[in-house]
Amino acid sequence: MRGQHRGSARDPISTALQTVRITGHLAVLGLLGALTDRQLTGDPLPRIAASTPDTEPSSPSI
């Protein structure tokens, strides 16, 4: 909260706290974006398919 006292435009503590708060929000958004990108671009299907061996050779059906 900003005080409504005389000289509130020159309040360095409020400005510093607001800067820290904005920087923290940007850092959290960046980390969430990086985690989301990593989750969405990873392709787990080839690993799953490669880990299960084929029991029968595939033969074409007629």
C-alpha atoms as a PDB file:
ATOM      1  CA  MET A   1       0.000   0.000   0.000  1.00  0.00           C
ATOM      2  CA  ARG A   2       1.199   3.436  -0.777  1.00  0.00           C
ATOM      3  CA  GLY A   3       0.870   6.115   1.789  1.00  0.00           C
ATOM      4  CA  GLN A   4      -1.000   9.267   0.921  1.00  0.00           C
ATOM      5  CA  HIS A   5       1.409  11.493   2.780  1.00  0.00           C
ATOM      6  CA  ARG A   6       3.373  14.395   1.421  1.00  0.00           C
ATOM      7  CA  GLY A   7       6.352  13.187  -0.590  1.00  0.00           C
ATOM      8  CA  SER A   8       4.929   9.770  -1.413  1.00  0.00           C
ATOM      9  CA  ALA A   9       6.320  10.093  -4.946  1.00  0.00           C
ATOM     10  CA  ARG A  10       9.840  10.028  -3.483  1.00  0.00           C
ATOM     11  CA  ASP A  11       9.360   6.943  -1.292  1.00  0.00           C
ATOM     12  CA  PRO A  12      12.342   4.698  -2.137  1.00  0.00           C
ATOM     13  CA  ILE A  13      11.227   1.778   0.032  1.00  0.00           C
ATOM     14  CA  SER A  14       7.881   1.480  -1.745  1.00  0.00           C
ATOM     15  CA  THR A  15       9.582   1.665  -5.116  1.00  0.00           C
ATOM     16  CA  ALA A  16      12.127  -1.006  -4.136  1.00  0.00           C
ATOM     17  CA  LEU A  17       9.443  -3.346  -2.784  1.00  0.00           C
ATOM     18  CA  GLN A  18       7.349  -2.894  -5.908  1.00  0.00           C
ATOM     19  CA  THR A  19      10.378  -3.694  -8.078  1.00  0.00           C
ATOM     20  CA  VAL A  20      11.118  -6.864  -6.076  1.00  0.00           C
ATOM     21  CA  ARG A  21       7.471  -7.922  -6.308  1.00  0.00           C
ATOM     22  CA  ILE A  22       7.315  -7.428 -10.091  1.00  0.00           C
ATOM     23  CA  THR A  23      10.648  -9.227 -10.577  1.00  0.00           C
ATOM     24  CA  GLY A  24       9.408 -12.152  -8.487  1.00  0.00           C
ATOM     25  CA  HIS A  25       6.218 -12.426 -10.535  1.00  0.00           C
ATOM     26  CA  LEU A  26       8.186 -12.410 -13.781  1.00  0.00           C
ATOM     27  CA  ALA A  27      10.578 -15.076 -12.474  1.00  0.00           C
ATOM     28  CA  VAL A  28       7.690 -17.347 -11.437  1.00  0.00           C
ATOM     29  CA  LEU A  29       5.968 -16.914 -14.798  1.00  0.00           C
ATOM     30  CA  GLY A  30       9.215 -17.693 -16.602  1.00  0.00           C
ATOM     31  CA  LEU A  31       9.806 -20.853 -14.578  1.00  0.00           C
ATOM     32  CA  LEU A  32       6.238 -22.043 -15.067  1.00  0.00           C
ATOM     33  CA  GLY A  33       6.542 -21.413 -18.791  1.00  0.00           C
ATOM     34  CA  ALA A  34       9.800 -23.371 -18.976  1.00  0.00           C
ATOM     35  CA  LEU A  35       8.314 -26.304 -17.055  1.00  0.00           C
ATOM     36  CA  THR A  36       5.198 -26.308 -19.221  1.00  0.00           C
ATOM     37  CA  ASP A  37       7.275 -26.202 -22.397  1.00  0.00           C
ATOM     38  CA  ARG A  38       9.398 -29.103 -21.186  1.00  0.00           C
ATOM     39  CA  GLN A  39       6.292 -31.153 -20.355  1.00  0.00           C
ATOM     40  CA  LEU A  40       4.607 -30.449 -23.682  1.00  0.00           C
ATOM     41  CA  THR A  41       7.603 -30.959 -25.952  1.00  0.00           C
ATOM     42  CA  GLY A  42       8.732 -34.224 -24.346  1.00  0.00           C
ATOM     43  CA  ASP A  43       7.579 -37.295 -26.267  1.00  0.00           C
ATOM     44  CA  PRO A  44       7.218 -40.262 -23.886  1.00  0.00           C
ATOM     45  CA  LEU A  45       5.626 -42.618 -26.460  1.00  0.00           C
ATOM     46  CA  PRO A  46       8.858 -43.823 -28.131  1.00  0.00           C
ATOM     47  CA  ARG A  47      10.310 -44.745 -24.725  1.00  0.00           C
ATOM     48  CA  ILE A  48       7.190 -46.701 -23.814  1.00  0.00           C
ATOM     49  CA  ALA A  49       7.090 -48.461 -27.189  1.00  0.00           C
ATOM     50  CA  ALA A  50      10.796 -49.278 -27.015  1.00  0.00           C
ATOM     51  CA  SER A  51      10.506 -50.729 -23.506  1.00  0.00           C
ATOM     52  CA  THR A  52       7.877 -53.350 -24.437  1.00  0.00           C
ATOM     53  CA  PRO A  53       9.299 -56.183 -26.540  1.00  0.00           C
ATOM     54  CA  ASP A  54       7.309 -57.619 -29.409  1.00  0.00           C
ATOM     55  CA  THR A  55       6.136 -61.150 -28.664  1.00  0.00           C
ATOM     56  CA  GLU A  56       5.139 -62.028 -32.217  1.00  0.00           C
ATOM     57  CA  PRO A  57       6.578 -60.835 -35.491  1.00  0.00           C
ATOM     58  CA  SER A  58       4.149 -58.606 -37.246  1.00  0.00           C
ATOM     59  CA  SER A  59       2.513 -60.250 -40.218  1.00  0.00           C
ATOM     60  CA  PRO A  60       0.225 -58.589 -42.731  1.00  0.00           C
ATOM     61  CA  SER A  61      -3.413 -59.526 -42.376  1.00  0.00           C
ATOM     62  CA  ILE A  62      -5.322 -60.522 -45.459  1.00  0.00           C
END
